[in-house]
Amino acid sequence: MPSVSFGPREPEWHSWYDTVHIPARLRIPGIQGAYRFKRRSGDFDYITFYEASDHAAFGSDEYSRLREYEASLPADSWERTTGALPGFARGAYKQCGGADAFPGLAAVDLLSVVGYDVPEHSREEFSARYESRQQAERVPGVRAEWRFKLASPEEVPMSGTPAPSPEFVSLYHLDDSDPALAEKALRDRDFRLGDFERFRLVVAKVPALDGTQPG
C-alpha cells in the first residue's frame, strides 16, 4: 500500500481496517491469518500478508461475493477509497525456496521485504545469482529467509486483478536488536541482484486494536 494520508481521519481508517476489512477476509474459508506491517524504511507505507491453507480461497465464491459487495459501496467508503489509492497493488505468492521452511508470520515482528522483476532474457542469470546467494552463510541479524514467486492465475485463482509484479519476493525475519546492521549486511550480500531489484522495505508488525493480531 502506498503512502496513506487521511489527516485527522487516519485513526478512523486504522479502526476500519482492523475491525472491518481484515475480519471480513478472515471469515473466508481457507484464509487463516492476516498480518499488517508498517514501513520503517522504503517506498510503501503498509503491507498486509494474508496466509491461506487453501490457495483457492482467493478465488472462491465467498471471496468473490465479498469483493462484489465491497465494489457496490459508495465511492467515499473506506473500502473504495483505500482500493483506489495510487500504487495500491495485490498479488498471490507461493513459496519457491529460501534457506528455511516458512512457518507463517505469527511470531515475526520485523521484516525486510525485497521485490524483484526479471526480464525473460535474464532468468538464467537471475537464478544463478539468487541460488548462489541463498547457499551463502547466514547473514548476521537475520533469523530466517524465505523466497516467494508470483503465482499464475491457474495456480492461485484470484477475485479481481492482481498486480503483474514483483515476480519474486524475498522475506527476511530480522532480529530487532540491531535491524539497521542486519539490513546493511543484506544489502551488501544482495548487491549482485541490484539489476533486478524493484523495491526494498523494512517493516514492523502493526498490532490490532485489542493488542493481538487477528487470525
N, C-alpha and C. Protein backbone atom coordinates (compact mmCIF):
# COMPACT_ATOMS: atom_id res chain seq x y z
N MET A 1 0.85 -1.19 0.00
CA MET A 1 0.00 0.00 0.00
C MET A 1 0.88 1.24 0.00
N PRO A 2 0.60 2.22 -0.86
CA PRO A 2 1.42 3.43 -0.94
C PRO A 2 1.21 4.34 0.26
N SER A 3 1.74 5.55 0.17
CA SER A 3 1.62 6.49 1.28
C SER A 3 0.15 6.74 1.62
N VAL A 4 -0.15 6.72 2.90
CA VAL A 4 -1.51 6.93 3.40
C VAL A 4 -1.55 8.26 4.13
N SER A 5 -2.43 9.15 3.73
CA SER A 5 -2.56 10.44 4.39
C SER A 5 -4.02 10.82 4.46
N PHE A 6 -4.67 10.45 5.55
CA PHE A 6 -6.08 10.77 5.73
C PHE A 6 -6.27 11.85 6.80
N GLY A 7 -5.19 12.55 7.15
CA GLY A 7 -5.28 13.65 8.10
C GLY A 7 -5.87 13.19 9.44
N PRO A 8 -6.77 13.99 10.00
CA PRO A 8 -7.33 13.65 11.31
C PRO A 8 -8.20 12.39 11.28
N ARG A 9 -8.55 11.90 10.08
CA ARG A 9 -9.38 10.70 9.98
C ARG A 9 -8.54 9.42 9.94
N GLU A 10 -7.22 9.56 10.02
CA GLU A 10 -6.39 8.35 9.91
C GLU A 10 -6.68 7.34 11.02
N PRO A 11 -6.88 7.74 12.30
CA PRO A 11 -7.25 6.74 13.31
C PRO A 11 -8.53 5.98 12.94
N GLU A 12 -9.47 6.69 12.31
CA GLU A 12 -10.71 6.05 11.86
C GLU A 12 -10.42 5.01 10.78
N TRP A 13 -9.49 5.35 9.89
CA TRP A 13 -9.10 4.41 8.84
C TRP A 13 -8.48 3.16 9.44
N HIS A 14 -7.58 3.31 10.41
CA HIS A 14 -6.96 2.15 11.06
C HIS A 14 -8.00 1.29 11.75
N SER A 15 -8.95 1.93 12.41
CA SER A 15 -10.00 1.18 13.09
C SER A 15 -10.82 0.37 12.09
N TRP A 16 -11.19 1.00 10.97
CA TRP A 16 -11.93 0.27 9.94
C TRP A 16 -11.12 -0.90 9.41
N TYR A 17 -9.84 -0.69 9.15
CA TYR A 17 -9.01 -1.75 8.57
C TYR A 17 -8.94 -2.95 9.51
N ASP A 18 -8.79 -2.68 10.82
CA ASP A 18 -8.62 -3.75 11.79
C ASP A 18 -9.92 -4.42 12.19
N THR A 19 -11.02 -3.67 12.15
CA THR A 19 -12.28 -4.22 12.68
C THR A 19 -13.28 -4.61 11.60
N VAL A 20 -13.06 -4.15 10.35
CA VAL A 20 -13.99 -4.45 9.27
C VAL A 20 -13.30 -5.18 8.12
N HIS A 21 -12.27 -4.54 7.55
CA HIS A 21 -11.65 -5.07 6.34
C HIS A 21 -10.98 -6.43 6.57
N ILE A 22 -10.10 -6.52 7.56
CA ILE A 22 -9.40 -7.78 7.81
C ILE A 22 -10.34 -8.87 8.30
N PRO A 23 -11.21 -8.62 9.29
CA PRO A 23 -12.11 -9.69 9.74
C PRO A 23 -13.00 -10.25 8.64
N ALA A 24 -13.42 -9.40 7.68
CA ALA A 24 -14.24 -9.90 6.58
C ALA A 24 -13.49 -10.95 5.78
N ARG A 25 -12.18 -10.79 5.63
CA ARG A 25 -11.39 -11.76 4.89
C ARG A 25 -11.08 -13.01 5.72
N LEU A 26 -10.92 -12.84 7.00
CA LEU A 26 -10.65 -14.00 7.86
C LEU A 26 -11.86 -14.92 7.99
N ARG A 27 -13.03 -14.43 7.60
CA ARG A 27 -14.21 -15.31 7.59
C ARG A 27 -14.29 -16.17 6.33
N ILE A 28 -13.43 -15.91 5.36
CA ILE A 28 -13.42 -16.70 4.13
C ILE A 28 -12.75 -18.04 4.41
N PRO A 29 -13.40 -19.17 4.12
CA PRO A 29 -12.77 -20.48 4.34
C PRO A 29 -11.42 -20.57 3.63
N GLY A 30 -10.42 -21.03 4.34
CA GLY A 30 -9.09 -21.19 3.77
C GLY A 30 -8.13 -20.07 4.12
N ILE A 31 -8.64 -18.87 4.46
CA ILE A 31 -7.76 -17.77 4.88
C ILE A 31 -7.60 -17.89 6.38
N GLN A 32 -6.37 -18.12 6.82
CA GLN A 32 -6.17 -18.47 8.22
C GLN A 32 -5.38 -17.45 9.04
N GLY A 33 -4.89 -16.39 8.41
CA GLY A 33 -4.16 -15.38 9.16
C GLY A 33 -4.02 -14.10 8.36
N ALA A 34 -3.91 -12.98 9.06
CA ALA A 34 -3.70 -11.67 8.42
C ALA A 34 -2.78 -10.85 9.30
N TYR A 35 -1.76 -10.25 8.70
CA TYR A 35 -0.76 -9.51 9.46
C TYR A 35 -0.40 -8.24 8.71
N ARG A 36 -0.54 -7.12 9.41
CA ARG A 36 -0.21 -5.81 8.83
C ARG A 36 1.17 -5.38 9.30
N PHE A 37 1.95 -4.79 8.38
CA PHE A 37 3.25 -4.26 8.72
C PHE A 37 3.34 -2.82 8.22
N LYS A 38 4.04 -1.98 9.01
CA LYS A 38 4.21 -0.56 8.68
C LYS A 38 5.68 -0.28 8.37
N ARG A 39 5.88 0.62 7.43
CA ARG A 39 7.22 0.96 6.97
C ARG A 39 8.10 1.53 8.07
N ARG A 40 9.34 1.03 8.12
CA ARG A 40 10.42 1.72 8.82
C ARG A 40 11.34 2.41 7.81
N SER A 41 11.50 1.77 6.66
CA SER A 41 12.25 2.39 5.57
C SER A 41 11.74 1.80 4.26
N GLY A 42 11.84 2.57 3.17
CA GLY A 42 11.37 2.08 1.88
C GLY A 42 10.29 2.97 1.30
N ASP A 43 9.68 2.52 0.21
CA ASP A 43 8.78 3.36 -0.58
C ASP A 43 7.31 3.24 -0.23
N PHE A 44 6.89 2.19 0.48
CA PHE A 44 5.47 1.96 0.73
C PHE A 44 5.18 2.07 2.22
N ASP A 45 4.01 2.58 2.56
CA ASP A 45 3.67 2.78 3.97
C ASP A 45 3.30 1.48 4.68
N TYR A 46 2.46 0.65 4.03
CA TYR A 46 1.93 -0.54 4.68
C TYR A 46 1.97 -1.73 3.73
N ILE A 47 2.09 -2.91 4.31
CA ILE A 47 1.95 -4.14 3.55
C ILE A 47 1.20 -5.13 4.45
N THR A 48 0.21 -5.80 3.88
CA THR A 48 -0.59 -6.78 4.62
C THR A 48 -0.41 -8.14 3.99
N PHE A 49 -0.13 -9.13 4.82
CA PHE A 49 0.01 -10.50 4.35
C PHE A 49 -1.18 -11.33 4.82
N TYR A 50 -1.80 -12.04 3.89
CA TYR A 50 -2.85 -13.00 4.21
C TYR A 50 -2.29 -14.40 3.96
N GLU A 51 -2.40 -15.25 4.94
CA GLU A 51 -1.92 -16.63 4.82
C GLU A 51 -3.12 -17.54 4.60
N ALA A 52 -2.98 -18.44 3.65
CA ALA A 52 -4.10 -19.32 3.30
C ALA A 52 -3.66 -20.78 3.33
N SER A 53 -4.49 -21.63 3.89
CA SER A 53 -4.23 -23.07 3.88
C SER A 53 -4.68 -23.68 2.56
N ASP A 54 -5.56 -22.97 1.86
CA ASP A 54 -6.07 -23.44 0.57
C ASP A 54 -5.89 -22.31 -0.44
N HIS A 55 -5.05 -22.54 -1.45
CA HIS A 55 -4.75 -21.48 -2.40
C HIS A 55 -5.97 -21.02 -3.19
N ALA A 56 -7.03 -21.85 -3.22
CA ALA A 56 -8.23 -21.47 -3.96
C ALA A 56 -9.10 -20.48 -3.19
N ALA A 57 -8.72 -20.18 -1.94
CA ALA A 57 -9.55 -19.28 -1.12
C ALA A 57 -9.74 -17.93 -1.78
N PHE A 58 -8.71 -17.42 -2.49
CA PHE A 58 -8.78 -16.07 -3.04
C PHE A 58 -9.60 -16.00 -4.33
N GLY A 59 -10.00 -17.15 -4.83
CA GLY A 59 -10.88 -17.16 -6.00
C GLY A 59 -12.20 -17.84 -5.72
N SER A 60 -12.48 -18.08 -4.44
CA SER A 60 -13.69 -18.81 -4.06
C SER A 60 -14.94 -17.96 -4.26
N ASP A 61 -16.09 -18.62 -4.26
CA ASP A 61 -17.36 -17.90 -4.39
C ASP A 61 -17.54 -16.93 -3.23
N GLU A 62 -17.14 -17.35 -2.02
CA GLU A 62 -17.29 -16.48 -0.85
C GLU A 62 -16.46 -15.21 -0.99
N TYR A 63 -15.23 -15.37 -1.48
CA TYR A 63 -14.37 -14.20 -1.65
C TYR A 63 -14.89 -13.31 -2.78
N SER A 64 -15.37 -13.92 -3.84
CA SER A 64 -15.92 -13.14 -4.95
C SER A 64 -17.12 -12.33 -4.51
N ARG A 65 -18.00 -12.94 -3.71
CA ARG A 65 -19.17 -12.21 -3.22
C ARG A 65 -18.75 -11.04 -2.32
N LEU A 66 -17.73 -11.26 -1.49
CA LEU A 66 -17.24 -10.17 -0.65
C LEU A 66 -16.72 -9.02 -1.51
N ARG A 67 -15.93 -9.34 -2.53
CA ARG A 67 -15.38 -8.31 -3.41
C ARG A 67 -16.49 -7.57 -4.16
N GLU A 68 -17.52 -8.30 -4.60
CA GLU A 68 -18.63 -7.65 -5.29
C GLU A 68 -19.38 -6.71 -4.36
N TYR A 69 -19.59 -7.14 -3.12
CA TYR A 69 -20.25 -6.28 -2.14
C TYR A 69 -19.44 -5.01 -1.90
N GLU A 70 -18.14 -5.17 -1.73
CA GLU A 70 -17.29 -4.01 -1.46
C GLU A 70 -17.27 -3.05 -2.65
N ALA A 71 -17.32 -3.60 -3.86
CA ALA A 71 -17.34 -2.75 -5.06
C ALA A 71 -18.64 -1.97 -5.18
N SER A 72 -19.72 -2.44 -4.52
CA SER A 72 -21.00 -1.76 -4.59
C SER A 72 -21.14 -0.63 -3.56
N LEU A 73 -20.17 -0.50 -2.66
CA LEU A 73 -20.22 0.53 -1.63
C LEU A 73 -20.02 1.91 -2.24
N PRO A 74 -20.44 2.96 -1.55
CA PRO A 74 -20.27 4.32 -2.08
C PRO A 74 -18.80 4.64 -2.34
N ALA A 75 -18.57 5.54 -3.26
CA ALA A 75 -17.21 5.89 -3.66
C ALA A 75 -16.40 6.47 -2.51
N ASP A 76 -17.07 7.09 -1.52
CA ASP A 76 -16.34 7.68 -0.40
C ASP A 76 -16.20 6.72 0.78
N SER A 77 -16.58 5.46 0.62
CA SER A 77 -16.40 4.48 1.69
C SER A 77 -14.91 4.19 1.85
N TRP A 78 -14.54 3.70 3.03
CA TRP A 78 -13.13 3.38 3.25
C TRP A 78 -12.66 2.29 2.29
N GLU A 79 -13.51 1.34 1.98
CA GLU A 79 -13.13 0.24 1.09
C GLU A 79 -12.78 0.78 -0.30
N ARG A 80 -13.66 1.58 -0.85
CA ARG A 80 -13.42 2.12 -2.20
C ARG A 80 -12.25 3.11 -2.19
N THR A 81 -12.17 3.94 -1.15
CA THR A 81 -11.10 4.93 -1.06
C THR A 81 -9.73 4.26 -0.98
N THR A 82 -9.64 3.22 -0.17
CA THR A 82 -8.36 2.53 0.01
C THR A 82 -7.94 1.82 -1.26
N GLY A 83 -8.86 1.12 -1.90
CA GLY A 83 -8.54 0.39 -3.11
C GLY A 83 -8.16 1.29 -4.27
N ALA A 84 -8.57 2.56 -4.21
CA ALA A 84 -8.29 3.49 -5.30
C ALA A 84 -7.00 4.28 -5.09
N LEU A 85 -6.29 4.03 -3.97
CA LEU A 85 -5.04 4.75 -3.74
C LEU A 85 -4.05 4.47 -4.87
N PRO A 86 -3.40 5.50 -5.43
CA PRO A 86 -2.41 5.27 -6.49
C PRO A 86 -1.29 4.37 -5.98
N GLY A 87 -0.99 3.33 -6.74
CA GLY A 87 0.08 2.42 -6.34
C GLY A 87 -0.38 1.23 -5.53
N PHE A 88 -1.67 1.21 -5.15
CA PHE A 88 -2.18 0.06 -4.41
C PHE A 88 -2.08 -1.20 -5.28
N ALA A 89 -1.58 -2.28 -4.73
CA ALA A 89 -1.39 -3.50 -5.52
C ALA A 89 -1.63 -4.72 -4.65
N ARG A 90 -2.00 -5.83 -5.28
CA ARG A 90 -2.25 -7.08 -4.57
C ARG A 90 -1.80 -8.23 -5.47
N GLY A 91 -1.40 -9.32 -4.85
CA GLY A 91 -0.97 -10.48 -5.61
C GLY A 91 -0.91 -11.71 -4.71
N ALA A 92 -0.86 -12.87 -5.33
CA ALA A 92 -0.77 -14.14 -4.60
C ALA A 92 0.59 -14.77 -4.87
N TYR A 93 1.23 -15.23 -3.81
CA TYR A 93 2.57 -15.78 -3.92
C TYR A 93 2.66 -17.15 -3.25
N LYS A 94 3.49 -18.00 -3.84
CA LYS A 94 3.76 -19.33 -3.29
C LYS A 94 5.24 -19.44 -3.00
N GLN A 95 5.58 -20.10 -1.87
CA GLN A 95 6.99 -20.24 -1.55
C GLN A 95 7.69 -21.09 -2.61
N CYS A 96 8.87 -20.61 -3.04
CA CYS A 96 9.61 -21.32 -4.07
C CYS A 96 11.05 -21.60 -3.65
N GLY A 97 11.38 -21.31 -2.41
CA GLY A 97 12.74 -21.58 -1.96
C GLY A 97 13.08 -20.76 -0.74
N GLY A 98 14.37 -20.64 -0.49
CA GLY A 98 14.85 -19.94 0.68
C GLY A 98 15.58 -20.89 1.60
N ALA A 99 16.23 -20.33 2.60
CA ALA A 99 17.05 -21.14 3.49
C ALA A 99 16.24 -21.87 4.55
N ASP A 100 14.94 -21.53 4.69
CA ASP A 100 14.15 -22.09 5.78
C ASP A 100 12.74 -22.43 5.30
N ALA A 101 12.10 -23.37 5.98
CA ALA A 101 10.67 -23.60 5.78
C ALA A 101 9.92 -22.39 6.32
N PHE A 102 8.77 -22.10 5.72
CA PHE A 102 8.00 -20.92 6.13
C PHE A 102 6.95 -21.32 7.16
N PRO A 103 7.07 -20.84 8.42
CA PRO A 103 6.11 -21.22 9.46
C PRO A 103 4.93 -20.27 9.58
N GLY A 104 4.91 -19.21 8.77
CA GLY A 104 3.90 -18.17 8.93
C GLY A 104 4.49 -16.97 9.67
N LEU A 105 3.70 -15.92 9.80
CA LEU A 105 4.22 -14.65 10.33
C LEU A 105 3.73 -14.34 11.74
N ALA A 106 3.10 -15.30 12.40
CA ALA A 106 2.54 -15.03 13.72
C ALA A 106 3.61 -14.56 14.71
N ALA A 107 4.81 -15.12 14.63
CA ALA A 107 5.87 -14.79 15.59
C ALA A 107 6.88 -13.80 15.04
N VAL A 108 6.58 -13.18 13.89
CA VAL A 108 7.52 -12.26 13.24
C VAL A 108 7.09 -10.82 13.50
N ASP A 109 8.01 -10.02 14.06
CA ASP A 109 7.70 -8.62 14.35
C ASP A 109 8.38 -7.65 13.40
N LEU A 110 9.49 -8.08 12.78
CA LEU A 110 10.27 -7.18 11.94
C LEU A 110 10.73 -7.92 10.69
N LEU A 111 10.45 -7.33 9.52
CA LEU A 111 10.76 -7.96 8.24
C LEU A 111 11.52 -7.02 7.33
N SER A 112 12.44 -7.59 6.55
CA SER A 112 12.94 -6.92 5.36
C SER A 112 12.25 -7.59 4.18
N VAL A 113 11.66 -6.80 3.29
CA VAL A 113 10.91 -7.31 2.14
C VAL A 113 11.57 -6.76 0.88
N VAL A 114 11.98 -7.65 -0.01
CA VAL A 114 12.66 -7.24 -1.24
C VAL A 114 11.93 -7.84 -2.44
N GLY A 115 11.57 -6.99 -3.40
CA GLY A 115 10.88 -7.45 -4.61
C GLY A 115 11.79 -7.39 -5.82
N TYR A 116 11.67 -8.40 -6.69
CA TYR A 116 12.49 -8.46 -7.90
C TYR A 116 11.59 -8.70 -9.11
N ASP A 117 11.91 -8.04 -10.22
CA ASP A 117 11.31 -8.32 -11.52
C ASP A 117 12.42 -8.77 -12.46
N VAL A 118 12.16 -9.84 -13.21
CA VAL A 118 13.21 -10.45 -14.02
C VAL A 118 12.77 -10.53 -15.48
N PRO A 119 13.45 -9.83 -16.38
CA PRO A 119 13.13 -9.97 -17.81
C PRO A 119 13.36 -11.40 -18.28
N GLU A 120 12.63 -11.80 -19.28
CA GLU A 120 12.72 -13.17 -19.77
C GLU A 120 14.14 -13.56 -20.14
N HIS A 121 14.89 -12.65 -20.77
CA HIS A 121 16.24 -12.98 -21.23
C HIS A 121 17.25 -13.06 -20.09
N SER A 122 16.85 -12.68 -18.85
CA SER A 122 17.79 -12.67 -17.72
C SER A 122 17.47 -13.74 -16.68
N ARG A 123 16.53 -14.62 -16.97
CA ARG A 123 16.10 -15.59 -15.96
C ARG A 123 17.24 -16.50 -15.50
N GLU A 124 18.01 -17.00 -16.44
CA GLU A 124 19.10 -17.90 -16.07
C GLU A 124 20.13 -17.18 -15.20
N GLU A 125 20.44 -15.95 -15.58
CA GLU A 125 21.39 -15.15 -14.81
C GLU A 125 20.86 -14.87 -13.41
N PHE A 126 19.59 -14.47 -13.31
CA PHE A 126 18.99 -14.20 -12.01
C PHE A 126 19.02 -15.44 -11.13
N SER A 127 18.60 -16.58 -11.67
CA SER A 127 18.55 -17.81 -10.88
C SER A 127 19.94 -18.18 -10.37
N ALA A 128 20.95 -18.03 -11.21
CA ALA A 128 22.31 -18.37 -10.79
C ALA A 128 22.77 -17.47 -9.66
N ARG A 129 22.51 -16.18 -9.80
CA ARG A 129 22.91 -15.24 -8.74
C ARG A 129 22.13 -15.52 -7.45
N TYR A 130 20.83 -15.74 -7.60
CA TYR A 130 19.98 -15.91 -6.42
C TYR A 130 20.32 -17.18 -5.67
N GLU A 131 20.47 -18.28 -6.38
CA GLU A 131 20.74 -19.55 -5.73
C GLU A 131 22.10 -19.55 -5.07
N SER A 132 23.10 -18.94 -5.70
CA SER A 132 24.43 -18.90 -5.08
C SER A 132 24.39 -18.08 -3.80
N ARG A 133 23.58 -17.04 -3.80
CA ARG A 133 23.44 -16.21 -2.60
C ARG A 133 22.74 -16.97 -1.49
N GLN A 134 21.71 -17.73 -1.83
CA GLN A 134 20.95 -18.45 -0.81
C GLN A 134 21.80 -19.51 -0.13
N GLN A 135 22.83 -19.99 -0.81
CA GLN A 135 23.68 -21.01 -0.23
C GLN A 135 24.78 -20.42 0.65
N ALA A 136 24.87 -19.09 0.67
CA ALA A 136 25.90 -18.43 1.47
C ALA A 136 25.58 -18.55 2.96
N GLU A 137 26.58 -18.24 3.77
CA GLU A 137 26.41 -18.29 5.22
C GLU A 137 25.32 -17.32 5.65
N ARG A 138 24.61 -17.69 6.72
CA ARG A 138 23.52 -16.85 7.23
C ARG A 138 24.01 -15.43 7.53
N VAL A 139 23.22 -14.45 7.14
CA VAL A 139 23.56 -13.05 7.39
C VAL A 139 23.33 -12.74 8.87
N PRO A 140 24.31 -12.13 9.54
CA PRO A 140 24.11 -11.77 10.95
C PRO A 140 22.89 -10.88 11.13
N GLY A 141 22.08 -11.18 12.14
CA GLY A 141 20.89 -10.41 12.41
C GLY A 141 19.66 -10.85 11.66
N VAL A 142 19.79 -11.88 10.79
CA VAL A 142 18.66 -12.42 10.04
C VAL A 142 18.33 -13.79 10.61
N ARG A 143 17.14 -13.93 11.17
CA ARG A 143 16.74 -15.18 11.81
C ARG A 143 16.31 -16.24 10.80
N ALA A 144 15.68 -15.80 9.71
CA ALA A 144 15.20 -16.74 8.71
C ALA A 144 14.99 -16.00 7.40
N GLU A 145 15.03 -16.73 6.29
CA GLU A 145 14.78 -16.11 4.99
C GLU A 145 13.96 -17.04 4.12
N TRP A 146 13.01 -16.42 3.39
CA TRP A 146 12.08 -17.18 2.56
C TRP A 146 11.94 -16.51 1.21
N ARG A 147 11.74 -17.31 0.19
CA ARG A 147 11.63 -16.81 -1.17
C ARG A 147 10.27 -17.21 -1.75
N PHE A 148 9.60 -16.26 -2.41
CA PHE A 148 8.27 -16.50 -2.97
C PHE A 148 8.24 -16.07 -4.43
N LYS A 149 7.38 -16.72 -5.18
CA LYS A 149 7.19 -16.38 -6.59
C LYS A 149 5.73 -16.05 -6.84
N LEU A 150 5.49 -15.03 -7.65
CA LEU A 150 4.13 -14.65 -8.01
C LEU A 150 3.44 -15.82 -8.67
N ALA A 151 2.28 -16.19 -8.15
CA ALA A 151 1.55 -17.33 -8.69
C ALA A 151 0.76 -16.93 -9.93
N SER A 152 0.64 -17.86 -10.85
CA SER A 152 -0.17 -17.61 -12.04
C SER A 152 -1.65 -17.73 -11.67
N PRO A 153 -2.56 -17.18 -12.49
CA PRO A 153 -3.99 -17.33 -12.22
C PRO A 153 -4.43 -18.79 -12.17
N GLU A 154 -3.72 -19.65 -12.89
CA GLU A 154 -4.06 -21.08 -12.86
C GLU A 154 -3.65 -21.71 -11.52
N GLU A 155 -2.53 -21.25 -10.96
CA GLU A 155 -2.06 -21.78 -9.68
C GLU A 155 -2.91 -21.28 -8.52
N VAL A 156 -3.17 -19.97 -8.52
CA VAL A 156 -3.95 -19.35 -7.44
C VAL A 156 -4.99 -18.44 -8.08
N PRO A 157 -6.19 -18.92 -8.28
CA PRO A 157 -7.25 -18.06 -8.82
C PRO A 157 -7.53 -16.91 -7.85
N MET A 158 -7.69 -15.71 -8.39
CA MET A 158 -7.96 -14.55 -7.55
C MET A 158 -9.17 -13.80 -8.07
N SER A 159 -10.00 -13.35 -7.14
CA SER A 159 -11.09 -12.46 -7.49
C SER A 159 -10.52 -11.07 -7.67
N GLY A 160 -10.74 -10.46 -8.81
CA GLY A 160 -10.14 -9.17 -9.10
C GLY A 160 -8.84 -9.34 -9.86
N THR A 161 -8.19 -8.24 -10.15
CA THR A 161 -6.98 -8.26 -10.97
C THR A 161 -5.74 -8.11 -10.10
N PRO A 162 -4.87 -9.11 -10.09
CA PRO A 162 -3.64 -8.99 -9.31
C PRO A 162 -2.61 -8.12 -10.04
N ALA A 163 -1.67 -7.56 -9.30
CA ALA A 163 -0.59 -6.80 -9.92
C ALA A 163 0.33 -7.75 -10.68
N PRO A 164 0.95 -7.31 -11.78
CA PRO A 164 1.81 -8.19 -12.56
C PRO A 164 3.21 -8.35 -11.97
N SER A 165 3.52 -7.63 -10.91
CA SER A 165 4.86 -7.70 -10.35
C SER A 165 4.81 -7.21 -8.90
N PRO A 166 5.87 -7.43 -8.11
CA PRO A 166 7.12 -8.06 -8.48
C PRO A 166 6.96 -9.57 -8.66
N GLU A 167 7.80 -10.14 -9.50
CA GLU A 167 7.67 -11.57 -9.78
C GLU A 167 8.20 -12.41 -8.62
N PHE A 168 9.25 -11.92 -7.97
CA PHE A 168 9.83 -12.63 -6.83
C PHE A 168 9.84 -11.72 -5.62
N VAL A 169 9.59 -12.29 -4.44
CA VAL A 169 9.66 -11.54 -3.20
C VAL A 169 10.46 -12.36 -2.19
N SER A 170 11.45 -11.72 -1.58
CA SER A 170 12.21 -12.34 -0.50
C SER A 170 11.79 -11.70 0.82
N LEU A 171 11.54 -12.53 1.82
CA LEU A 171 11.22 -12.06 3.16
C LEU A 171 12.35 -12.48 4.09
N TYR A 172 12.81 -11.54 4.90
CA TYR A 172 13.86 -11.81 5.88
C TYR A 172 13.35 -11.44 7.26
N HIS A 173 13.34 -12.41 8.16
CA HIS A 173 12.94 -12.17 9.54
C HIS A 173 14.13 -11.57 10.27
N LEU A 174 14.03 -10.28 10.64
CA LEU A 174 15.15 -9.58 11.24
C LEU A 174 15.11 -9.67 12.76
N ASP A 175 16.28 -9.77 13.35
CA ASP A 175 16.43 -9.64 14.79
C ASP A 175 16.27 -8.17 15.13
N ASP A 176 15.40 -7.85 16.09
CA ASP A 176 15.12 -6.45 16.37
C ASP A 176 16.17 -5.78 17.24
N SER A 177 17.25 -6.49 17.61
CA SER A 177 18.29 -5.87 18.44
C SER A 177 19.09 -4.83 17.66
N ASP A 178 19.33 -5.07 16.36
CA ASP A 178 20.05 -4.10 15.53
C ASP A 178 19.63 -4.30 14.08
N PRO A 179 18.39 -3.92 13.73
CA PRO A 179 17.90 -4.16 12.37
C PRO A 179 18.68 -3.40 11.30
N ALA A 180 19.22 -2.23 11.64
CA ALA A 180 19.98 -1.46 10.65
C ALA A 180 21.23 -2.22 10.23
N LEU A 181 21.89 -2.87 11.18
CA LEU A 181 23.08 -3.65 10.87
C LEU A 181 22.72 -4.85 10.00
N ALA A 182 21.61 -5.52 10.33
CA ALA A 182 21.18 -6.67 9.54
C ALA A 182 20.82 -6.25 8.12
N GLU A 183 20.14 -5.12 7.98
CA GLU A 183 19.76 -4.66 6.64
C GLU A 183 20.98 -4.26 5.82
N LYS A 184 21.98 -3.67 6.45
CA LYS A 184 23.21 -3.34 5.73
C LYS A 184 23.90 -4.61 5.25
N ALA A 185 23.92 -5.64 6.11
CA ALA A 185 24.54 -6.90 5.72
C ALA A 185 23.77 -7.53 4.56
N LEU A 186 22.45 -7.42 4.56
CA LEU A 186 21.66 -7.94 3.45
C LEU A 186 21.95 -7.19 2.17
N ARG A 187 22.03 -5.86 2.25
CA ARG A 187 22.33 -5.07 1.06
C ARG A 187 23.70 -5.44 0.49
N ASP A 188 24.66 -5.62 1.39
CA ASP A 188 26.00 -5.99 0.94
C ASP A 188 25.98 -7.34 0.23
N ARG A 189 25.19 -8.28 0.76
CA ARG A 189 25.14 -9.60 0.14
C ARG A 189 24.34 -9.57 -1.16
N ASP A 190 23.33 -8.70 -1.23
CA ASP A 190 22.41 -8.69 -2.36
C ASP A 190 22.86 -7.79 -3.52
N PHE A 191 24.03 -7.16 -3.41
CA PHE A 191 24.37 -6.15 -4.41
C PHE A 191 24.39 -6.74 -5.82
N ARG A 192 24.71 -8.02 -5.97
CA ARG A 192 24.78 -8.62 -7.30
C ARG A 192 23.39 -8.82 -7.92
N LEU A 193 22.34 -8.64 -7.10
CA LEU A 193 20.97 -8.76 -7.61
C LEU A 193 20.35 -7.39 -7.88
N GLY A 194 21.15 -6.33 -7.72
CA GLY A 194 20.61 -4.98 -7.83
C GLY A 194 19.98 -4.67 -9.18
N ASP A 195 20.44 -5.33 -10.23
CA ASP A 195 19.88 -5.07 -11.56
C ASP A 195 18.41 -5.45 -11.64
N PHE A 196 17.98 -6.35 -10.76
CA PHE A 196 16.62 -6.87 -10.83
C PHE A 196 15.72 -6.33 -9.70
N GLU A 197 16.31 -5.62 -8.77
CA GLU A 197 15.55 -5.19 -7.59
C GLU A 197 14.53 -4.12 -7.95
N ARG A 198 13.29 -4.32 -7.48
CA ARG A 198 12.24 -3.34 -7.72
C ARG A 198 12.00 -2.47 -6.50
N PHE A 199 12.02 -3.07 -5.32
CA PHE A 199 11.87 -2.29 -4.09
C PHE A 199 12.51 -3.05 -2.93
N ARG A 200 12.75 -2.31 -1.85
CA ARG A 200 13.28 -2.88 -0.62
C ARG A 200 12.65 -2.14 0.54
N LEU A 201 12.06 -2.88 1.46
CA LEU A 201 11.38 -2.29 2.62
C LEU A 201 11.88 -2.94 3.90
N VAL A 202 11.87 -2.18 4.98
CA VAL A 202 11.95 -2.75 6.32
C VAL A 202 10.66 -2.35 7.02
N VAL A 203 9.93 -3.34 7.50
CA VAL A 203 8.59 -3.08 8.05
C VAL A 203 8.44 -3.76 9.41
N ALA A 204 7.66 -3.13 10.28
CA ALA A 204 7.38 -3.66 11.62
C ALA A 204 5.90 -3.98 11.74
N LYS A 205 5.60 -5.07 12.44
CA LYS A 205 4.20 -5.51 12.56
C LYS A 205 3.37 -4.47 13.31
N VAL A 206 2.16 -4.26 12.83
CA VAL A 206 1.21 -3.34 13.46
C VAL A 206 0.24 -4.18 14.28
N PRO A 207 0.20 -4.01 15.61
CA PRO A 207 -0.76 -4.78 16.40
C PRO A 207 -2.18 -4.32 16.13
N ALA A 208 -3.13 -5.25 16.25
CA ALA A 208 -4.54 -4.89 16.12
C ALA A 208 -4.96 -4.04 17.29
N LEU A 209 -6.16 -3.47 17.20
CA LEU A 209 -6.60 -2.52 18.22
C LEU A 209 -6.67 -3.10 19.61
N ASP A 210 -6.95 -4.40 19.73
CA ASP A 210 -7.08 -5.01 21.05
C ASP A 210 -5.73 -5.56 21.54
N GLY A 211 -4.66 -5.27 20.80
CA GLY A 211 -3.33 -5.70 21.21
C GLY A 211 -2.94 -7.06 20.69
N THR A 212 -3.79 -7.71 19.92
CA THR A 212 -3.47 -9.01 19.35
C THR A 212 -3.59 -8.94 17.84
N GLN A 213 -2.96 -9.90 17.18
CA GLN A 213 -3.10 -9.98 15.73
C GLN A 213 -4.30 -10.85 15.40
N PRO A 214 -5.14 -10.42 14.44
CA PRO A 214 -6.23 -11.28 14.03
C PRO A 214 -5.70 -12.54 13.35
N GLY A 215 -6.43 -13.61 13.46
CA GLY A 215 -6.02 -14.83 12.77
C GLY A 215 -5.24 -15.75 13.67
